[in-house]
PDB file of N, CA and C in Angstrom:
ATOM      1  N   MET A   1     -23.266-100.867  27.165  1.00  0.00           N
ATOM      2  CA  MET A   1     -23.787-100.942  28.499  1.00  0.00           C
ATOM      3  C   MET A   1     -24.657-100.480  29.201  1.00  0.00           C
ATOM      4  N   SER A   2     -25.299-101.957  30.333  1.00  0.00           N
ATOM      5  CA  SER A   2     -27.357-101.030  30.231  1.00  0.00           C
ATOM      6  C   SER A   2     -26.824-100.155  32.313  1.00  0.00           C
ATOM      7  N   SER A   3     -27.779 -99.833  32.125  1.00  0.00           N
ATOM      8  CA  SER A   3     -27.792 -98.678  33.024  1.00  0.00           C
ATOM      9  C   SER A   3     -27.581 -99.310  34.446  1.00  0.00           C
ATOM     10  N   TRP A   4     -27.669-100.332  34.652  1.00  0.00           N
ATOM     11  CA  TRP A   4     -28.018-101.353  35.776  1.00  0.00           C
ATOM     12  C   TRP A   4     -26.513-101.445  35.771  1.00  0.00           C
ATOM     13  N   ALA A   5     -25.330-101.894  34.952  1.00  0.00           N
ATOM     14  CA  ALA A   5     -24.579-102.945  34.685  1.00  0.00           C
ATOM     15  C   ALA A   5     -22.736-101.560  35.184  1.00  0.00           C
ATOM     16  N   SER A   6     -23.504 -99.592  34.544  1.00  0.00           N
ATOM     17  CA  SER A   6     -22.973 -98.828  34.755  1.00  0.00           C
ATOM     18  C   SER A   6     -22.966 -99.010  36.488  1.00  0.00           C
ATOM     19  N   LEU A   7     -23.866 -99.559  37.087  1.00  0.00           N
ATOM     20  CA  LEU A   7     -23.743 -98.616  38.866  1.00  0.00           C
ATOM     21  C   LEU A   7     -23.099 -99.768  39.241  1.00  0.00           C
ATOM     22  N   ASN A   8     -22.569-101.092  38.774  1.00  0.00           N
ATOM     23  CA  ASN A   8     -21.171-101.593  39.893  1.00  0.00           C
ATOM     24  C   ASN A   8     -20.287-101.738  40.311  1.00  0.00           C
ATOM     25  N   SER A   9     -19.990 -99.643  39.887  1.00  0.00           N
ATOM     26  CA  SER A   9     -18.603 -99.007  39.799  1.00  0.00           C
ATOM     27  C   SER A   9     -19.213 -98.515  41.412  1.00  0.00           C
ATOM     28  N   TYR A  10     -20.705 -98.701  41.912  1.00  0.00           N
ATOM     29  CA  TYR A  10     -20.767 -97.642  43.608  1.00  0.00           C
ATOM     30  C   TYR A  10     -20.351 -98.588  44.403  1.00  0.00           C
ATOM     31  N   LEU A  11     -20.928-100.128  43.299  1.00  0.00           N
ATOM     32  CA  LEU A  11     -20.614-101.384  44.990  1.00  0.00           C
ATOM     33  C   LEU A  11     -20.008-100.664  46.466  1.00  0.00           C
ATOM     34  N   ASN A  12     -20.353-101.386  47.588  1.00  0.00           N
ATOM     35  CA  ASN A  12     -19.861-100.909  48.451  1.00  0.00           C
ATOM     36  C   ASN A  12     -19.066 -99.254  49.036  1.00  0.00           C
ATOM     37  N   LYS A  13     -19.915 -98.541  47.841  1.00  0.00           N
ATOM     38  CA  LYS A  13     -19.637 -96.924  48.097  1.00  0.00           C
ATOM     39  C   LYS A  13     -21.444 -96.327  48.704  1.00  0.00           C
ATOM     40  N   LYS A  14     -20.747 -95.437  49.050  1.00  0.00           N
ATOM     41  CA  LYS A  14     -22.233 -95.099  49.719  1.00  0.00           C
ATOM     42  C   LYS A  14     -22.785 -93.908  48.826  1.00  0.00           C
ATOM     43  N   VAL A  15     -23.821 -94.256  48.835  1.00  0.00           N
ATOM     44  CA  VAL A  15     -24.912 -93.166  47.841  1.00  0.00           C
ATOM     45  C   VAL A  15     -26.048 -93.311  48.117  1.00  0.00           C
ATOM     46  N   LEU A  16     -25.995 -91.714  47.924  1.00  0.00           N
ATOM     47  CA  LEU A  16     -27.800 -91.532  47.707  1.00  0.00           C
ATOM     48  C   LEU A  16     -28.513 -91.704  46.689  1.00  0.00           C
ATOM     49  N   ILE A  17     -29.901 -92.230  47.051  1.00  0.00           N
ATOM     50  CA  ILE A  17     -30.836 -92.633  46.053  1.00  0.00           C
ATOM     51  C   ILE A  17     -32.378 -91.316  46.478  1.00  0.00           C
ATOM     52  N   ILE A  18     -33.143 -90.883  45.480  1.00  0.00           N
ATOM     53  CA  ILE A  18     -34.309 -90.350  45.762  1.00  0.00           C
ATOM     54  C   ILE A  18     -35.681 -91.785  44.966  1.00  0.00           C
ATOM     55  N   THR A  19     -36.269 -91.498  45.226  1.00  0.00           N
ATOM     56  CA  THR A  19     -37.327 -92.661  44.637  1.00  0.00           C
ATOM     57  C   THR A  19     -38.648 -91.842  44.029  1.00  0.00           C
ATOM     58  N   THR A  20     -39.375 -92.854  43.959  1.00  0.00           N
ATOM     59  CA  THR A  20     -40.965 -92.391  43.548  1.00  0.00           C
ATOM     60  C   THR A  20     -41.583 -90.889  43.878  1.00  0.00           C
ATOM     61  N   GLU A  21     -41.416 -91.336  45.321  1.00  0.00           N
ATOM     62  CA  GLU A  21     -42.861 -91.004  45.982  1.00  0.00           C
ATOM     63  C   GLU A  21     -41.894 -89.637  46.842  1.00  0.00           C
ATOM     64  N   GLY A  22     -40.925 -89.486  46.507  1.00  0.00           N
ATOM     65  CA  GLY A  22     -39.572 -88.296  46.782  1.00  0.00           C
ATOM     66  C   GLY A  22     -39.013 -88.773  48.117  1.00  0.00           C
ATOM     67  N   ASN A  23     -39.067 -89.589  48.789  1.00  0.00           N
ATOM     68  CA  ASN A  23     -37.698 -90.221  50.219  1.00  0.00           C
ATOM     69  C   ASN A  23     -36.935 -90.681  50.008  1.00  0.00           C
ATOM     70  N   THR A  24     -35.888 -89.731  50.250  1.00  0.00           N
ATOM     71  CA  THR A  24     -34.098 -89.670  50.248  1.00  0.00           C
ATOM     72  C   THR A  24     -33.489 -90.426  51.246  1.00  0.00           C
ATOM     73  N   PHE A  25     -32.613 -92.253  50.827  1.00  0.00           N
ATOM     74  CA  PHE A  25     -32.366 -92.682  51.380  1.00  0.00           C
ATOM     75  C   PHE A  25     -30.668 -92.639  50.858  1.00  0.00           C
ATOM     76  N   THR A  26     -29.460 -92.988  52.111  1.00  0.00           N
ATOM     77  CA  THR A  26     -28.387 -93.000  51.932  1.00  0.00           C
ATOM     78  C   THR A  26     -27.508 -94.028  52.430  1.00  0.00           C
ATOM     79  N   GLY A  27     -27.117 -94.682  52.096  1.00  0.00           N
ATOM     80  CA  GLY A  27     -26.127 -95.969  52.285  1.00  0.00           C
ATOM     81  C   GLY A  27     -25.210 -96.712  51.805  1.00  0.00           C
ATOM     82  N   THR A  28     -24.470 -97.822  51.918  1.00  0.00           N
ATOM     83  CA  THR A  28     -23.651 -98.549  51.330  1.00  0.00           C
ATOM     84  C   THR A  28     -24.308 -99.332  50.384  1.00  0.00           C
ATOM     85  N   LEU A  29     -24.270 -99.565  49.055  1.00  0.00           N
ATOM     86  CA  LEU A  29     -24.797 -99.571  47.974  1.00  0.00           C
ATOM     87  C   LEU A  29     -24.137-101.672  47.773  1.00  0.00           C
ATOM     88  N   LEU A  30     -25.212-102.687  48.385  1.00  0.00           N
ATOM     89  CA  LEU A  30     -24.030-103.607  48.007  1.00  0.00           C
ATOM     90  C   LEU A  30     -24.607-104.696  47.326  1.00  0.00           C
ATOM     91  N   CYS A  31     -25.830-104.013  46.727  1.00  0.00           N
ATOM     92  CA  CYS A  31     -25.779-105.302  45.180  1.00  0.00           C
ATOM     93  C   CYS A  31     -27.022-104.353  44.230  1.00  0.00           C
ATOM     94  N   VAL A  32     -26.576-104.681  42.920  1.00  0.00           N
ATOM     95  CA  VAL A  32     -27.827-104.123  42.016  1.00  0.00           C
ATOM     96  C   VAL A  32     -27.965-105.767  41.123  1.00  0.00           C
ATOM     97  N   ASP A  33     -28.416-105.063  40.831  1.00  0.00           N
ATOM     98  CA  ASP A  33     -29.307-106.303  39.775  1.00  0.00           C
ATOM     99  C   ASP A  33     -29.931-106.042  38.504  1.00  0.00           C
ATOM    100  N   ASN A  34     -30.149-106.723  37.044  1.00  0.00           N
ATOM    101  CA  ASN A  34     -30.756-106.422  36.081  1.00  0.00           C
ATOM    102  C   ASN A  34     -32.075-105.762  35.783  1.00  0.00           C
ATOM    103  N   VAL A  35     -32.479-105.378  36.609  1.00  0.00           N
ATOM    104  CA  VAL A  35     -33.865-104.517  36.540  1.00  0.00           C
ATOM    105  C   VAL A  35     -33.255-104.012  37.581  1.00  0.00           C
ATOM    106  N   THR A  36     -32.234-102.504  38.160  1.00  0.00           N
ATOM    107  CA  THR A  36     -31.758-101.724  38.751  1.00  0.00           C
ATOM    108  C   THR A  36     -32.336-102.197  40.343  1.00  0.00           C
ATOM    109  N   ASN A  37     -33.345-103.891  40.790  1.00  0.00           N
ATOM    110  CA  ASN A  37     -33.215-103.155  42.012  1.00  0.00           C
ATOM    111  C   ASN A  37     -31.927-103.153  43.155  1.00  0.00           C
ATOM    112  N   MET A  38     -32.077-102.218  43.872  1.00  0.00           N
ATOM    113  CA  MET A  38     -31.193-102.239  45.044  1.00  0.00           C
ATOM    114  C   MET A  38     -30.867-102.228  46.294  1.00  0.00           C
ATOM    115  N   ALA A  39     -29.865-102.613  47.164  1.00  0.00           N
ATOM    116  CA  ALA A  39     -29.911-102.683  47.927  1.00  0.00           C
ATOM    117  C   ALA A  39     -28.726-102.462  48.814  1.00  0.00           C
ATOM    118  N   LEU A  40     -29.143-101.631  50.185  1.00  0.00           N
ATOM    119  CA  LEU A  40     -28.343-100.942  50.690  1.00  0.00           C
ATOM    120  C   LEU A  40     -27.993-101.669  52.070  1.00  0.00           C
ATOM    121  N   GLU A  41     -27.289-100.997  52.664  1.00  0.00           N
ATOM    122  CA  GLU A  41     -26.570-101.384  53.735  1.00  0.00           C
ATOM    123  C   GLU A  41     -26.495-100.413  54.602  1.00  0.00           C
ATOM    124  N   ASN A  42     -26.423-100.275  55.939  1.00  0.00           N
ATOM    125  CA  ASN A  42     -26.469 -99.366  57.330  1.00  0.00           C
ATOM    126  C   ASN A  42     -27.595 -97.869  56.365  1.00  0.00           C
ATOM    127  N   ALA A  43     -27.882 -98.710  55.325  1.00  0.00           N
ATOM    128  CA  ALA A  43     -29.091 -97.497  54.912  1.00  0.00           C
ATOM    129  C   ALA A  43     -29.620 -96.036  55.740  1.00  0.00           C
ATOM    130  N   VAL A  44     -29.429 -94.753  55.828  1.00  0.00           N
ATOM    131  CA  VAL A  44     -30.542 -94.362  56.898  1.00  0.00           C
ATOM    132  C   VAL A  44     -31.646 -93.397  55.844  1.00  0.00           C
ATOM    133  N   GLN A  45     -33.144 -92.649  56.400  1.00  0.00           N
ATOM    134  CA  GLN A  45     -34.045 -92.132  55.307  1.00  0.00           C
ATOM    135  C   GLN A  45     -33.496 -90.603  56.735  1.00  0.00           C
ATOM    136  N   ARG A  46     -33.486 -90.053  54.908  1.00  0.00           N
ATOM    137  CA  ARG A  46     -32.807 -88.473  55.302  1.00  0.00           C
ATOM    138  C   ARG A  46     -34.325 -87.276  55.304  1.00  0.00           C
ATOM    139  N   PHE A  47     -34.990 -86.916  56.391  1.00  0.00           N
ATOM    140  CA  PHE A  47     -36.126 -86.508  55.805  1.00  0.00           C
ATOM    141  C   PHE A  47     -36.130 -84.927  55.891  1.00  0.00           C
ATOM    142  N   ILE A  48     -35.478 -84.071  55.320  1.00  0.00           N
ATOM    143  CA  ILE A  48     -35.492 -82.142  54.608  1.00  0.00           C
ATOM    144  C   ILE A  48     -36.471 -81.378  55.126  1.00  0.00           C
ATOM    145  N   VAL A  49     -36.821 -81.015  56.199  1.00  0.00           N
ATOM    146  CA  VAL A  49     -38.205 -79.616  55.959  1.00  0.00           C
ATOM    147  C   VAL A  49     -37.233 -78.354  55.554  1.00  0.00           C
ATOM    148  N   PRO A  50     -38.696 -77.465  55.167  1.00  0.00           N
ATOM    149  CA  PRO A  50     -38.929 -76.307  55.058  1.00  0.00           C
ATOM    150  C   PRO A  50     -38.557 -75.478  54.967  1.00  0.00           C
ATOM    151  N   ALA A  51     -38.117 -74.276  54.443  1.00  0.00           N
ATOM    152  CA  ALA A  51     -37.098 -73.026  55.398  1.00  0.00           C
ATOM    153  C   ALA A  51     -38.204 -72.745  56.580  1.00  0.00           C
ATOM    154  N   ASP A  52     -39.057 -72.763  56.013  1.00  0.00           N
ATOM    155  CA  ASP A  52     -40.189 -71.711  57.227  1.00  0.00           C
ATOM    156  C   ASP A  52     -40.297 -72.958  58.295  1.00  0.00           C
ATOM    157  N   SER A  53     -40.765 -73.991  58.393  1.00  0.00           N
ATOM    158  CA  SER A  53     -40.527 -74.974  59.870  1.00  0.00           C
ATOM    159  C   SER A  53     -39.272 -74.901  60.841  1.00  0.00           C
ATOM    160  N   GLU A  54     -40.251 -74.983  61.790  1.00  0.00           N
ATOM    161  CA  GLU A  54     -39.510 -74.568  63.634  1.00  0.00           C
ATOM    162  C   GLU A  54     -38.990 -76.053  63.657  1.00  0.00           C
ATOM    163  N   GLU A  55     -39.246 -77.839  62.954  1.00  0.00           N
ATOM    164  CA  GLU A  55     -38.953 -78.261  63.314  1.00  0.00           C
ATOM    165  C   GLU A  55     -36.883 -78.900  62.188  1.00  0.00           C
ATOM    166  N   GLU A  56     -36.216 -80.116  62.579  1.00  0.00           N
ATOM    167  CA  GLU A  56     -34.987 -80.117  62.451  1.00  0.00           C
ATOM    168  C   GLU A  56     -35.148 -81.226  61.392  1.00  0.00           C
ATOM    169  N   SER A  57     -34.432 -81.432  60.588  1.00  0.00           N
ATOM    170  CA  SER A  57     -34.398 -81.955  59.654  1.00  0.00           C
ATOM    171  C   SER A  57     -33.328 -83.267  60.270  1.00  0.00           C
ATOM    172  N   GLN A  58     -33.592 -84.110  59.950  1.00  0.00           N
ATOM    173  CA  GLN A  58     -32.999 -85.178  60.276  1.00  0.00           C
ATOM    174  C   GLN A  58     -33.088 -86.880  59.292  1.00  0.00           C
ATOM    175  N   ASP A  59     -32.090 -87.375  59.902  1.00  0.00           N
ATOM    176  CA  ASP A  59     -31.132 -88.860  59.554  1.00  0.00           C
ATOM    177  C   ASP A  59     -32.118 -89.774  60.260  1.00  0.00           C
ATOM    178  N   VAL A  60     -32.474 -90.346  59.710  1.00  0.00           N
ATOM    179  CA  VAL A  60     -33.751 -91.731  60.478  1.00  0.00           C
ATOM    180  C   VAL A  60     -32.895 -92.617  60.102  1.00  0.00           C
ATOM    181  N   PRO A  61     -32.023 -94.133  61.002  1.00  0.00           N
ATOM    182  CA  PRO A  61     -31.683 -94.899  60.822  1.00  0.00           C
ATOM    183  C   PRO A  61     -32.610 -96.602  60.263  1.00  0.00           C
ATOM    184  N   GLN A  62     -32.570 -96.704  59.477  1.00  0.00           N
ATOM    185  CA  GLN A  62     -33.611 -97.905  59.368  1.00  0.00           C
ATOM    186  C   GLN A  62     -32.775 -99.405  59.411  1.00  0.00           C
ATOM    187  N   MET A  63     -33.810 -99.781  60.193  1.00  0.00           N
ATOM    188  CA  MET A  63     -33.184-101.365  60.545  1.00  0.00           C
ATOM    189  C   MET A  63     -32.496-102.589  59.789  1.00  0.00           C
ATOM    190  N   GLY A  64     -31.136-102.689  59.450  1.00  0.00           N
ATOM    191  CA  GLY A  64     -31.101-104.076  59.700  1.00  0.00           C
ATOM    192  C   GLY A  64     -30.435-103.524  57.329  1.00  0.00           C
ATOM    193  N   THR A  65     -30.331-104.088  56.502  1.00  0.00           N
ATOM    194  CA  THR A  65     -30.589-103.726  54.967  1.00  0.00           C
ATOM    195  C   THR A  65     -31.971-103.462  54.842  1.00  0.00           C
ATOM    196  N   VAL A  66     -32.032-102.672  54.113  1.00  0.00           N
ATOM    197  CA  VAL A  66     -32.933-101.999  52.240  1.00  0.00           C
ATOM    198  C   VAL A  66     -32.938-102.483  51.096  1.00  0.00           C
ATOM    199  N   MET A  67     -33.576-102.873  50.625  1.00  0.00           N
ATOM    200  CA  MET A  67     -33.920-103.082  49.881  1.00  0.00           C
ATOM    201  C   MET A  67     -35.530-102.011  48.391  1.00  0.00           C
ATOM    202  N   ILE A  68     -34.315-101.681  47.796  1.00  0.00           N
ATOM    203  CA  ILE A  68     -35.301-100.337  47.412  1.00  0.00           C
ATOM    204  C   ILE A  68     -35.564-100.378  45.809  1.00  0.00           C
ATOM    205  N   ARG A  69     -37.092-101.117  45.430  1.00  0.00           N
ATOM    206  CA  ARG A  69     -37.228-101.443  44.240  1.00  0.00           C
ATOM    207  C   ARG A  69     -36.618-100.979  43.115  1.00  0.00           C
ATOM    208  N   GLY A  70     -36.549-100.969  42.066  1.00  0.00           N
ATOM    209  CA  GLY A  70     -35.780-100.520  40.453  1.00  0.00           C
ATOM    210  C   GLY A  70     -36.735 -99.303  39.887  1.00  0.00           C
ATOM    211  N   ASP A  71     -37.968 -99.651  39.842  1.00  0.00           N
ATOM    212  CA  ASP A  71     -38.933 -99.312  39.680  1.00  0.00           C
ATOM    213  C   ASP A  71     -39.494 -98.336  40.158  1.00  0.00           C
ATOM    214  N   GLN A  72     -39.090 -97.825  41.190  1.00  0.00           N
ATOM    215  CA  GLN A  72     -39.101 -97.067  42.535  1.00  0.00           C
ATOM    216  C   GLN A  72     -38.375 -96.113  43.369  1.00  0.00           C
ATOM    217  N   ILE A  73     -37.339 -95.946  42.025  1.00  0.00           N
ATOM    218  CA  ILE A  73     -35.338 -95.239  41.562  1.00  0.00           C
ATOM    219  C   ILE A  73     -35.587 -94.103  40.714  1.00  0.00           C
ATOM    220  N   VAL A  74     -35.397 -92.454  41.254  1.00  0.00           N
ATOM    221  CA  VAL A  74     -35.621 -91.451  40.284  1.00  0.00           C
ATOM    222  C   VAL A  74     -33.796 -91.789  39.900  1.00  0.00           C
ATOM    223  N   ILE A  75     -32.721 -91.736  41.358  1.00  0.00           N
ATOM    224  CA  ILE A  75     -31.457 -90.834  40.755  1.00  0.00           C
ATOM    225  C   ILE A  75     -31.218 -92.510  42.222  1.00  0.00           C
ATOM    226  N   CYS A  76     -29.586 -91.888  41.886  1.00  0.00           N
ATOM    227  CA  CYS A  76     -28.874 -92.244  42.472  1.00  0.00           C
ATOM    228  C   CYS A  76     -27.500 -92.489  41.812  1.00  0.00           C
ATOM    229  N   GLY A  77     -26.928 -91.614  43.594  1.00  0.00           N
ATOM    230  CA  GLY A  77     -25.247 -90.973  42.432  1.00  0.00           C
ATOM    231  C   GLY A  77     -24.090 -91.057  44.305  1.00  0.00           C
ATOM    232  N   LEU A  78     -23.006 -90.877  44.030  1.00  0.00           N
ATOM    233  CA  LEU A  78     -22.908 -91.714  45.032  1.00  0.00           C
ATOM    234  C   LEU A  78     -22.448 -90.409  45.905  1.00  0.00           C
ATOM    235  N   VAL A  79     -21.939 -90.166  46.904  1.00  0.00           N
ATOM    236  CA  VAL A  79     -21.987 -89.134  48.385  1.00  0.00           C
ATOM    237  C   VAL A  79     -20.894 -88.776  48.697  1.00  0.00           C
ATOM    238  N   ASP A  80     -20.093 -87.567  48.677  1.00  0.00           N
ATOM    239  CA  ASP A  80     -18.324 -87.247  48.605  1.00  0.00           C
ATOM    240  C   ASP A  80     -18.975 -87.695  50.588  1.00  0.00           C
ATOM    241  N   GLU A  81     -17.828 -88.845  51.004  1.00  0.00           N
ATOM    242  CA  GLU A  81     -18.576 -88.883  52.217  1.00  0.00           C
ATOM    243  C   GLU A  81     -17.733 -88.357  53.590  1.00  0.00           C
ATOM    244  N   GLU A  82     -16.989 -87.496  52.603  1.00  0.00           N
ATOM    245  CA  GLU A  82     -15.885 -86.322  53.954  1.00  0.00           C
ATOM    246  C   GLU A  82     -16.649 -84.759  53.668  1.00  0.00           C
ATOM    247  N   LEU A  83     -17.427 -84.445  52.665  1.00  0.00           N
ATOM    248  CA  LEU A  83     -18.246 -83.484  52.771  1.00  0.00           C
ATOM    249  C   LEU A  83     -19.549 -83.906  54.258  1.00  0.00           C
ATOM    250  N   ASP A  84     -20.136 -85.049  53.348  1.00  0.00           N
ATOM    251  CA  ASP A  84     -21.001 -85.637  54.274  1.00  0.00           C
ATOM    252  C   ASP A  84     -21.306 -85.045  55.937  1.00  0.00           C
ATOM    253  N   ARG A  85     -20.077 -85.331  56.051  1.00  0.00           N
ATOM    254  CA  ARG A  85     -19.653 -85.120  57.401  1.00  0.00           C
ATOM    255  C   ARG A  85     -19.601 -84.333  58.009  1.00  0.00           C
ATOM    256  N   GLN A  86     -19.107 -83.697  57.372  1.00  0.00           N
ATOM    257  CA  GLN A  86     -19.155 -82.458  57.718  1.00  0.00           C
ATOM    258  C   GLN A  86     -20.634 -81.068  57.812  1.00  0.00           C
ATOM    259  N   ILE A  87     -21.275 -82.107  57.450  1.00  0.00           N
ATOM    260  CA  ILE A  87     -22.650 -81.830  57.382  1.00  0.00           C
ATOM    261  C   ILE A  87     -23.627 -82.008  58.290  1.00  0.00           C
ATOM    262  N   ASP A  88     -23.789 -81.084  58.765  1.00  0.00           N
ATOM    263  CA  ASP A  88     -25.737 -80.998  59.990  1.00  0.00           C
ATOM    264  C   ASP A  88     -26.270 -80.942  59.547  1.00  0.00           C
ATOM    265  N   VAL A  89     -27.143 -82.421  59.117  1.00  0.00           N
ATOM    266  CA  VAL A  89     -28.544 -82.697  58.649  1.00  0.00           C
ATOM    267  C   VAL A  89     -29.048 -81.339  59.712  1.00  0.00           C
ATOM    268  N   THR A  90     -29.507 -81.778  60.317  1.00  0.00           N
ATOM    269  CA  THR A  90     -30.423 -80.639  61.745  1.00  0.00           C
ATOM    270  C   THR A  90     -31.078 -79.214  60.858  1.00  0.00           C
ATOM    271  N   LYS A  91     -29.801 -78.585  60.107  1.00  0.00           N
ATOM    272  CA  LYS A  91     -29.919 -77.214  59.852  1.00  0.00           C
ATOM    273  C   LYS A  91     -30.472 -77.305  58.079  1.00  0.00           C
ATOM    274  N   MET A  92     -30.726 -78.496  57.863  1.00  0.00           N
ATOM    275  CA  MET A  92     -30.680 -77.930  56.170  1.00  0.00           C
ATOM    276  C   MET A  92     -32.324 -77.712  56.123  1.00  0.00           C
ATOM    277  N   ARG A  93     -32.558 -77.192  55.198  1.00  0.00           N
ATOM    278  CA  ARG A  93     -33.889 -76.722  54.709  1.00  0.00           C
ATOM    279  C   ARG A  93     -34.308 -77.774  53.193  1.00  0.00           C
ATOM    280  N   GLY A  94     -35.197 -76.776  53.010  1.00  0.00           N
ATOM    281  CA  GLY A  94     -35.253 -77.627  51.379  1.00  0.00           C
ATOM    282  C   GLY A  94     -36.803 -77.332  51.014  1.00  0.00           C
ATOM    283  N   GLU A  95     -37.471 -77.233  50.205  1.00  0.00           N
ATOM    284  CA  GLU A  95     -38.798 -78.016  49.481  1.00  0.00           C
ATOM    285  C   GLU A  95     -38.812 -79.469  48.912  1.00  0.00           C
ATOM    286  N   PRO A  96     -40.092 -79.941  49.652  1.00  0.00           N
ATOM    287  CA  PRO A  96     -40.578 -81.056  49.352  1.00  0.00           C
ATOM    288  C   PRO A  96     -40.065 -81.851  48.077  1.00  0.00           C
ATOM    289  N   ILE A  97     -39.509 -82.974  47.793  1.00  0.00           N
ATOM    290  CA  ILE A  97     -39.884 -83.449  46.665  1.00  0.00           C
ATOM    291  C   ILE A  97     -40.465 -84.023  46.183  1.00  0.00           C
ATOM    292  N   LEU A  98     -41.506 -84.011  45.583  1.00  0.00           N
ATOM    293  CA  LEU A  98     -43.428 -84.136  45.435  1.00  0.00           C
ATOM    294  C   LEU A  98     -42.777 -85.475  44.035  1.00  0.00           C
ATOM    295  N   SER A  99     -44.032 -86.257  44.192  1.00  0.00           N
ATOM    296  CA  SER A  99     -43.474 -87.356  43.513  1.00  0.00           C
ATOM    297  C   SER A  99     -43.966 -87.644  42.007  1.00  0.00           C
ATOM    298  N   THR A 100     -42.999 -88.928  41.582  1.00  0.00           N
ATOM    299  CA  THR A 100     -42.411 -87.987  40.156  1.00  0.00           C
ATOM    300  C   THR A 100     -43.335 -89.738  38.951  1.00  0.00           C
ATOM    301  N   LYS A 101     -44.869 -90.218  39.837  1.00  0.00           N
ATOM    302  CA  LYS A 101     -45.075 -91.174  39.707  1.00  0.00           C
ATOM    303  C   LYS A 101     -46.546 -90.557  38.550  1.00  0.00           C
ATOM    304  N   LYS A 102     -46.594 -91.217  37.359  1.00  0.00           N
ATOM    305  CA  LYS A 102     -47.189 -90.700  36.307  1.00  0.00           C
ATOM    306  C   LYS A 102     -48.591 -90.246  36.937  1.00  0.00           C
ATOM    307  N   ASN A 103     -49.965 -89.913  37.290  1.00  0.00           N
ATOM    308  CA  ASN A 103     -51.239 -90.092  37.420  1.00  0.00           C
ATOM    309  C   ASN A 103     -52.165 -91.077  35.965  1.00  0.00           C
ATOM    310  N   THR A 104     -52.299 -92.316  36.159  1.00  0.00           N
ATOM    311  CA  THR A 104     -52.815 -93.148  35.051  1.00  0.00           C
ATOM    312  C   THR A 104     -54.550 -92.415  35.357  1.00  0.00           C
TER     313      THR A 104
END
């Protein structure tokens, strides 16, 4: 079974995606194709600030459906929606995820 076909069990469920640029998105997975392009509905981009930052982390809503190219996706995982509702994103802290792209 190909990796994109195994993602079919995630359809219509909330997922979290981390991209090669270190961006984090959450949303409902609408579709995935044979090159792992993914469409998210009700997507938000999550910005986590470092521990020493005086700013707050935040979820920034996106407009409409977001399409993320398969070659930009590092990881996609299911979100525990009950646990996610209990988390105060503004209190989250963490080190930035650096780019995973190989410089050639």
